Amino acid sequence: MNWDIIEGNWKEFSGKAQAKWGKLTNDRLDVIAGRRDQLKGEIQKAYGISKDEAETQVKEFEEAKRDVPS
């Protein structure tokens, strides 16, 4: 799935993101507003993981949403 689709439908995907990364609050997800780099940074801070691990997790999230109908 193209990240532009996730960004454009962030209200829908933010709930799925919170289910995956429970430490990210609704307020933080609202600020992220679908911006991929900001999501990676927030995941990295919240979970104390490396940039590479955060990238891997976001990529997995993106790929998992590939089969979600728009």
Protein backbone atom coordinates (compact mmCIF):
# COMPACT_ATOMS: atom_id res chain seq x y z
CA MET A 1 0.00 0.00 0.00
CA ASN A 2 1.18 3.45 -0.83
CA TRP A 3 1.82 5.48 2.32
CA ASP A 4 -0.11 8.39 0.71
CA ILE A 5 -3.27 6.30 1.12
CA ILE A 6 -2.56 5.75 4.81
CA GLU A 7 -1.80 9.44 5.29
CA GLY A 8 -4.97 10.45 3.43
CA ASN A 9 -7.09 8.12 5.57
CA TRP A 10 -5.21 8.70 8.83
CA LYS A 11 -8.36 8.92 10.97
CA GLU A 12 -9.16 5.34 9.95
CA PHE A 13 -5.60 4.06 10.27
CA SER A 14 -4.75 5.85 13.52
CA GLY A 15 -6.93 3.39 15.45
CA LYS A 16 -5.07 0.51 13.87
CA ALA A 17 -1.77 2.22 14.71
CA GLN A 18 -2.82 2.62 18.32
CA ALA A 19 -3.79 -1.05 18.47
CA LYS A 20 -0.27 -1.95 17.28
CA TRP A 21 1.61 0.68 19.33
CA GLY A 22 -0.46 1.09 22.48
CA LYS A 23 1.99 3.54 24.05
CA LEU A 24 1.07 6.13 21.40
CA THR A 25 -1.82 8.21 22.71
CA ASN A 26 -4.65 9.55 20.59
CA ASP A 27 -3.20 13.03 21.05
CA ARG A 28 0.20 11.92 19.70
CA LEU A 29 -1.45 10.11 16.79
CA ASP A 30 -3.41 13.27 15.97
CA VAL A 31 -0.17 15.26 15.88
CA ILE A 32 1.50 12.62 13.71
CA ALA A 33 -1.41 12.99 11.25
CA GLY A 34 -0.16 10.19 9.02
CA ARG A 35 3.36 11.53 8.53
CA ARG A 36 5.52 8.43 8.25
CA ASP A 37 8.76 9.95 9.58
CA GLN A 38 6.99 11.42 12.57
CA LEU A 39 5.35 8.06 13.31
CA LYS A 40 8.74 6.35 13.22
CA GLY A 41 10.19 8.94 15.60
CA GLU A 42 7.35 8.59 18.07
CA ILE A 43 7.61 4.80 18.02
CA GLN A 44 11.35 5.05 18.57
CA LYS A 45 10.90 7.37 21.57
CA ALA A 46 7.96 5.52 23.12
CA TYR A 47 9.55 2.09 22.89
CA GLY A 48 13.24 2.97 23.16
CA ILE A 49 14.14 1.20 19.93
CA SER A 50 16.55 2.00 17.11
CA LYS A 51 15.66 3.91 13.96
CA ASP A 52 16.08 0.72 11.97
CA GLU A 53 13.69 -1.21 14.21
CA ALA A 54 11.12 1.60 14.04
CA GLU A 55 11.43 1.58 10.24
CA THR A 56 10.92 -2.18 10.19
CA GLN A 57 7.80 -1.92 12.34
CA VAL A 58 6.29 0.87 10.21
CA LYS A 59 7.06 -1.07 7.04
CA GLU A 60 5.33 -4.15 8.49
CA PHE A 61 2.33 -2.00 9.44
CA GLU A 62 2.20 -0.58 5.93
CA GLU A 63 2.42 -4.03 4.33
CA ALA A 64 -0.25 -5.45 6.65
CA LYS A 65 -2.63 -2.69 5.56
CA ARG A 66 -2.07 -3.56 1.89
CA ASP A 67 -5.01 -5.97 1.97
CA VAL A 68 -7.38 -3.56 3.69
CA PRO A 69 -10.06 -2.36 1.26
CA SER A 70 -10.20 1.41 0.82
